Amino acid sequence: MRRDVFQAIADPVRRDIIKLLAENALPINEVAQKFEVSRPAISKHLKILEECGIIDIQQQGRERYCLIRPKSLIPAFLWIEQYQNLWEDKLDSFEAYLNELQSKRKNNKNE
């Protein structure tokens, strides 16, 4: 099965793993200890992230370290970025609507 970055970021645990590894490379055991999920489940998530090209797993002595490959996240970033203006406009419009309601409520109380 061919996996891509969107499959990788679809799962909240994998997003949390990405966030964790963005700070620094960690051994698999340390990654697993950070989550309240079974070690086999974390291993499966790491395998998916590796298949998607988001992380590399490298042997260093007795430990296997997970390293982030941030460039692999660029396609997801570019796809999300195209909707940024749309959502900013909608949120600005919603904020203006809430301010209008609040203003009307204040005016009704003062009458």
N, C-alpha and C. Protein backbone atom coordinates (compact mmCIF):
# COMPACT_ATOMS: atom_id res chain seq x y z
N MET A 1 0.84 -1.19 0.00
CA MET A 1 0.00 0.00 0.00
C MET A 1 0.88 1.25 0.00
N ARG A 2 0.61 2.16 -0.89
CA ARG A 2 1.34 3.43 -0.96
C ARG A 2 0.70 4.41 0.01
N ARG A 3 1.49 4.91 0.92
CA ARG A 3 0.99 5.88 1.89
C ARG A 3 1.53 7.26 1.55
N ASP A 4 0.81 8.29 2.02
CA ASP A 4 1.28 9.65 1.80
C ASP A 4 1.19 10.46 3.08
N VAL A 5 1.66 11.69 3.02
CA VAL A 5 1.72 12.55 4.19
C VAL A 5 0.33 12.78 4.80
N PHE A 6 -0.70 12.81 3.98
CA PHE A 6 -2.04 13.07 4.48
C PHE A 6 -2.55 11.91 5.34
N GLN A 7 -2.20 10.69 4.96
CA GLN A 7 -2.55 9.53 5.80
C GLN A 7 -1.80 9.61 7.12
N ALA A 8 -0.57 10.08 7.07
CA ALA A 8 0.24 10.16 8.28
C ALA A 8 -0.35 11.15 9.28
N ILE A 9 -0.77 12.31 8.80
CA ILE A 9 -1.25 13.33 9.73
C ILE A 9 -2.74 13.17 10.07
N ALA A 10 -3.39 12.19 9.47
CA ALA A 10 -4.81 11.98 9.74
C ALA A 10 -5.08 11.48 11.15
N ASP A 11 -4.11 10.84 11.76
CA ASP A 11 -4.30 10.26 13.09
C ASP A 11 -3.71 11.18 14.16
N PRO A 12 -4.48 11.47 15.24
CA PRO A 12 -3.99 12.38 16.27
C PRO A 12 -2.74 11.87 17.00
N VAL A 13 -2.61 10.57 17.17
CA VAL A 13 -1.41 10.04 17.83
C VAL A 13 -0.18 10.29 16.95
N ARG A 14 -0.33 10.09 15.65
CA ARG A 14 0.79 10.34 14.75
C ARG A 14 1.15 11.82 14.72
N ARG A 15 0.13 12.69 14.77
CA ARG A 15 0.43 14.13 14.83
C ARG A 15 1.20 14.46 16.11
N ASP A 16 0.83 13.84 17.21
CA ASP A 16 1.55 14.06 18.47
C ASP A 16 2.98 13.53 18.40
N ILE A 17 3.17 12.41 17.73
CA ILE A 17 4.52 11.86 17.55
C ILE A 17 5.35 12.83 16.71
N ILE A 18 4.78 13.36 15.65
CA ILE A 18 5.48 14.33 14.80
C ILE A 18 5.89 15.54 15.62
N LYS A 19 4.96 16.04 16.43
CA LYS A 19 5.25 17.20 17.27
C LYS A 19 6.39 16.89 18.24
N LEU A 20 6.36 15.71 18.84
CA LEU A 20 7.39 15.29 19.78
C LEU A 20 8.76 15.20 19.10
N LEU A 21 8.79 14.59 17.93
CA LEU A 21 10.06 14.40 17.23
C LEU A 21 10.56 15.69 16.58
N ALA A 22 9.68 16.67 16.41
CA ALA A 22 10.11 17.95 15.85
C ALA A 22 11.06 18.66 16.81
N GLU A 23 10.94 18.34 18.10
CA GLU A 23 11.81 18.97 19.10
C GLU A 23 13.20 18.35 19.08
N ASN A 24 13.29 17.01 19.01
CA ASN A 24 14.57 16.32 18.87
C ASN A 24 14.35 14.84 18.60
N ALA A 25 15.39 14.21 18.07
CA ALA A 25 15.33 12.77 17.78
C ALA A 25 15.26 11.99 19.09
N LEU A 26 14.49 10.91 19.09
CA LEU A 26 14.32 10.10 20.31
C LEU A 26 14.40 8.62 19.98
N PRO A 27 14.86 7.83 20.95
CA PRO A 27 14.80 6.38 20.78
C PRO A 27 13.33 5.93 20.77
N ILE A 28 13.05 4.84 20.11
CA ILE A 28 11.68 4.32 20.03
C ILE A 28 11.08 4.13 21.42
N ASN A 29 11.86 3.60 22.35
CA ASN A 29 11.33 3.38 23.71
C ASN A 29 10.89 4.68 24.37
N GLU A 30 11.65 5.75 24.17
CA GLU A 30 11.26 7.04 24.75
C GLU A 30 9.99 7.57 24.12
N VAL A 31 9.86 7.39 22.82
CA VAL A 31 8.63 7.82 22.13
C VAL A 31 7.45 7.07 22.74
N ALA A 32 7.58 5.76 22.87
CA ALA A 32 6.49 4.92 23.40
C ALA A 32 6.12 5.32 24.82
N GLN A 33 7.10 5.70 25.62
CA GLN A 33 6.83 6.08 27.01
C GLN A 33 6.02 7.35 27.15
N LYS A 34 6.01 8.16 26.13
CA LYS A 34 5.29 9.45 26.17
C LYS A 34 3.79 9.29 25.94
N PHE A 35 3.35 8.10 25.58
CA PHE A 35 1.95 7.89 25.20
C PHE A 35 1.31 6.81 26.06
N GLU A 36 0.02 6.95 26.24
CA GLU A 36 -0.74 5.95 26.99
C GLU A 36 -1.36 4.94 26.05
N VAL A 37 -0.58 4.53 25.08
CA VAL A 37 -0.99 3.54 24.10
C VAL A 37 0.04 2.41 24.19
N SER A 38 -0.34 1.25 23.76
CA SER A 38 0.59 0.12 23.84
C SER A 38 1.83 0.32 22.98
N ARG A 39 2.89 -0.32 23.36
CA ARG A 39 4.14 -0.25 22.59
C ARG A 39 3.92 -0.74 21.15
N PRO A 40 3.19 -1.87 20.95
CA PRO A 40 2.93 -2.30 19.56
C PRO A 40 2.15 -1.26 18.74
N ALA A 41 1.23 -0.55 19.39
CA ALA A 41 0.47 0.48 18.68
C ALA A 41 1.39 1.62 18.26
N ILE A 42 2.30 2.03 19.16
CA ILE A 42 3.25 3.09 18.82
C ILE A 42 4.17 2.62 17.68
N SER A 43 4.60 1.38 17.75
CA SER A 43 5.45 0.83 16.69
C SER A 43 4.74 0.89 15.33
N LYS A 44 3.44 0.59 15.35
CA LYS A 44 2.67 0.64 14.10
C LYS A 44 2.59 2.08 13.58
N HIS A 45 2.35 3.03 14.48
CA HIS A 45 2.30 4.45 14.08
C HIS A 45 3.65 4.89 13.51
N LEU A 46 4.74 4.47 14.16
CA LEU A 46 6.07 4.84 13.68
C LEU A 46 6.34 4.23 12.31
N LYS A 47 5.87 3.02 12.11
CA LYS A 47 6.06 2.36 10.81
C LYS A 47 5.33 3.14 9.71
N ILE A 48 4.12 3.58 10.00
CA ILE A 48 3.35 4.37 9.03
C ILE A 48 4.06 5.69 8.74
N LEU A 49 4.55 6.35 9.79
CA LEU A 49 5.27 7.61 9.59
C LEU A 49 6.54 7.39 8.76
N GLU A 50 7.19 6.27 8.98
CA GLU A 50 8.39 5.95 8.20
C GLU A 50 8.02 5.66 6.74
N GLU A 51 6.95 4.89 6.52
CA GLU A 51 6.51 4.59 5.15
C GLU A 51 6.11 5.85 4.40
N CYS A 52 5.60 6.83 5.11
CA CYS A 52 5.18 8.09 4.49
C CYS A 52 6.36 9.03 4.28
N GLY A 53 7.53 8.65 4.78
CA GLY A 53 8.72 9.48 4.61
C GLY A 53 8.82 10.63 5.59
N ILE A 54 8.01 10.61 6.65
CA ILE A 54 8.02 11.71 7.62
C ILE A 54 9.12 11.51 8.66
N ILE A 55 9.44 10.26 8.97
CA ILE A 55 10.54 10.00 9.90
C ILE A 55 11.48 8.96 9.30
N ASP A 56 12.68 8.97 9.82
CA ASP A 56 13.65 7.91 9.55
C ASP A 56 13.91 7.22 10.88
N ILE A 57 14.12 5.94 10.84
CA ILE A 57 14.51 5.21 12.04
C ILE A 57 15.92 4.69 11.79
N GLN A 58 16.85 5.14 12.64
CA GLN A 58 18.25 4.80 12.46
C GLN A 58 18.79 4.08 13.68
N GLN A 59 19.58 3.06 13.43
CA GLN A 59 20.23 2.30 14.49
C GLN A 59 21.45 3.09 14.98
N GLN A 60 21.52 3.32 16.28
CA GLN A 60 22.70 3.96 16.90
C GLN A 60 23.05 3.14 18.13
N GLY A 61 24.04 2.29 17.98
CA GLY A 61 24.39 1.37 19.07
C GLY A 61 23.24 0.39 19.26
N ARG A 62 22.77 0.27 20.47
CA ARG A 62 21.65 -0.64 20.77
C ARG A 62 20.29 -0.01 20.54
N GLU A 63 20.29 1.29 20.40
CA GLU A 63 19.03 2.03 20.27
C GLU A 63 18.66 2.28 18.81
N ARG A 64 17.34 2.35 18.57
CA ARG A 64 16.82 2.77 17.28
C ARG A 64 16.19 4.14 17.48
N TYR A 65 16.72 5.13 16.81
CA TYR A 65 16.27 6.51 16.97
C TYR A 65 15.33 6.92 15.85
N CYS A 66 14.33 7.70 16.24
CA CYS A 66 13.37 8.27 15.29
C CYS A 66 13.78 9.71 15.03
N LEU A 67 13.95 10.05 13.76
CA LEU A 67 14.34 11.40 13.35
C LEU A 67 13.30 11.95 12.38
N ILE A 68 12.92 13.18 12.60
CA ILE A 68 11.91 13.81 11.75
C ILE A 68 12.54 14.23 10.41
N ARG A 69 11.77 14.13 9.35
CA ARG A 69 12.17 14.64 8.03
C ARG A 69 11.18 15.74 7.67
N PRO A 70 11.40 16.95 8.17
CA PRO A 70 10.41 18.03 8.04
C PRO A 70 10.02 18.37 6.60
N LYS A 71 10.94 18.21 5.65
CA LYS A 71 10.60 18.55 4.26
C LYS A 71 9.46 17.71 3.72
N SER A 72 9.28 16.53 4.29
CA SER A 72 8.22 15.64 3.82
C SER A 72 6.83 16.17 4.18
N LEU A 73 6.77 17.13 5.11
CA LEU A 73 5.48 17.71 5.51
C LEU A 73 5.07 18.88 4.61
N ILE A 74 5.95 19.31 3.72
CA ILE A 74 5.66 20.46 2.85
C ILE A 74 4.37 20.29 2.04
N PRO A 75 4.10 19.13 1.43
CA PRO A 75 2.84 19.01 0.67
C PRO A 75 1.60 19.28 1.52
N ALA A 76 1.60 18.81 2.76
CA ALA A 76 0.44 19.06 3.63
C ALA A 76 0.35 20.54 3.98
N PHE A 77 1.50 21.15 4.27
CA PHE A 77 1.52 22.57 4.60
C PHE A 77 0.98 23.41 3.44
N LEU A 78 1.43 23.10 2.23
CA LEU A 78 0.98 23.87 1.06
C LEU A 78 -0.51 23.69 0.81
N TRP A 79 -1.01 22.48 1.02
CA TRP A 79 -2.43 22.22 0.82
C TRP A 79 -3.26 22.99 1.85
N ILE A 80 -2.82 23.00 3.10
CA ILE A 80 -3.56 23.69 4.17
C ILE A 80 -3.46 25.20 3.98
N GLU A 81 -2.30 25.67 3.55
CA GLU A 81 -2.08 27.11 3.39
C GLU A 81 -3.06 27.75 2.41
N GLN A 82 -3.46 27.01 1.39
CA GLN A 82 -4.38 27.58 0.40
C GLN A 82 -5.75 27.90 1.01
N TYR A 83 -6.07 27.30 2.15
CA TYR A 83 -7.36 27.57 2.80
C TYR A 83 -7.25 28.58 3.93
N GLN A 84 -6.03 29.03 4.22
CA GLN A 84 -5.83 29.96 5.34
C GLN A 84 -6.64 31.24 5.17
N ASN A 85 -6.56 31.88 4.00
CA ASN A 85 -7.30 33.13 3.77
C ASN A 85 -8.80 32.92 3.88
N LEU A 86 -9.27 31.80 3.34
CA LEU A 86 -10.70 31.50 3.42
C LEU A 86 -11.16 31.47 4.87
N TRP A 87 -10.42 30.74 5.72
CA TRP A 87 -10.82 30.62 7.11
C TRP A 87 -10.62 31.91 7.88
N GLU A 88 -9.58 32.66 7.56
CA GLU A 88 -9.39 33.95 8.22
C GLU A 88 -10.54 34.89 7.90
N ASP A 89 -10.99 34.92 6.64
CA ASP A 89 -12.13 35.75 6.26
C ASP A 89 -13.39 35.32 6.99
N LYS A 90 -13.62 34.01 7.06
CA LYS A 90 -14.83 33.51 7.74
C LYS A 90 -14.78 33.84 9.23
N LEU A 91 -13.61 33.69 9.85
CA LEU A 91 -13.49 34.00 11.28
C LEU A 91 -13.65 35.49 11.54
N ASP A 92 -13.12 36.33 10.65
CA ASP A 92 -13.30 37.78 10.79
C ASP A 92 -14.77 38.15 10.68
N SER A 93 -15.46 37.53 9.74
CA SER A 93 -16.88 37.78 9.55
C SER A 93 -17.67 37.33 10.79
N PHE A 94 -17.32 36.19 11.33
CA PHE A 94 -17.99 35.67 12.53
C PHE A 94 -17.74 36.59 13.72
N GLU A 95 -16.51 37.09 13.86
CA GLU A 95 -16.18 38.01 14.95
C GLU A 95 -17.00 39.30 14.83
N ALA A 96 -17.13 39.82 13.62
CA ALA A 96 -17.92 41.03 13.40
C ALA A 96 -19.38 40.79 13.78
N TYR A 97 -19.90 39.61 13.43
CA TYR A 97 -21.27 39.25 13.76
C TYR A 97 -21.46 39.18 15.28
N LEU A 98 -20.53 38.56 15.98
CA LEU A 98 -20.61 38.47 17.45
C LEU A 98 -20.54 39.85 18.09
N ASN A 99 -19.66 40.71 17.57
CA ASN A 99 -19.56 42.07 18.09
C ASN A 99 -20.87 42.83 17.89
N GLU A 100 -21.50 42.63 16.74
CA GLU A 100 -22.79 43.27 16.45
C GLU A 100 -23.86 42.79 17.43
N LEU A 101 -23.91 41.49 17.68
CA LEU A 101 -24.88 40.95 18.64
C LEU A 101 -24.65 41.51 20.04
N GLN A 102 -23.39 41.58 20.43
CA GLN A 102 -23.05 42.09 21.75
C GLN A 102 -23.45 43.56 21.88
N SER A 103 -23.23 44.32 20.83
CA SER A 103 -23.60 45.73 20.82
C SER A 103 -25.12 45.89 20.93
N LYS A 104 -25.87 45.07 20.20
CA LYS A 104 -27.34 45.13 20.27
C LYS A 104 -27.82 44.77 21.66
N ARG A 105 -27.18 43.77 22.27
CA ARG A 105 -27.57 43.35 23.63
C ARG A 105 -27.36 44.46 24.62
N LYS A 106 -26.24 45.18 24.50
CA LYS A 106 -25.93 46.30 25.40
C LYS A 106 -26.96 47.42 25.21
N ASN A 107 -27.31 47.69 23.95
CA ASN A 107 -28.28 48.74 23.65
C ASN A 107 -29.65 48.39 24.21
N ASN A 108 -30.05 47.12 24.15
CA ASN A 108 -31.34 46.70 24.67
C ASN A 108 -31.38 46.81 26.20
N LYS A 109 -30.27 46.58 26.86
CA LYS A 109 -30.21 46.69 28.32
C LYS A 109 -30.29 48.14 28.76
N ASN A 110 -29.74 49.04 27.96
CA ASN A 110 -29.72 50.46 28.30
C ASN A 110 -31.05 51.16 28.05
N GLU A 111 -31.94 50.53 27.32
CA GLU A 111 -33.24 51.17 27.00
C GLU A 111 -34.22 51.02 28.11
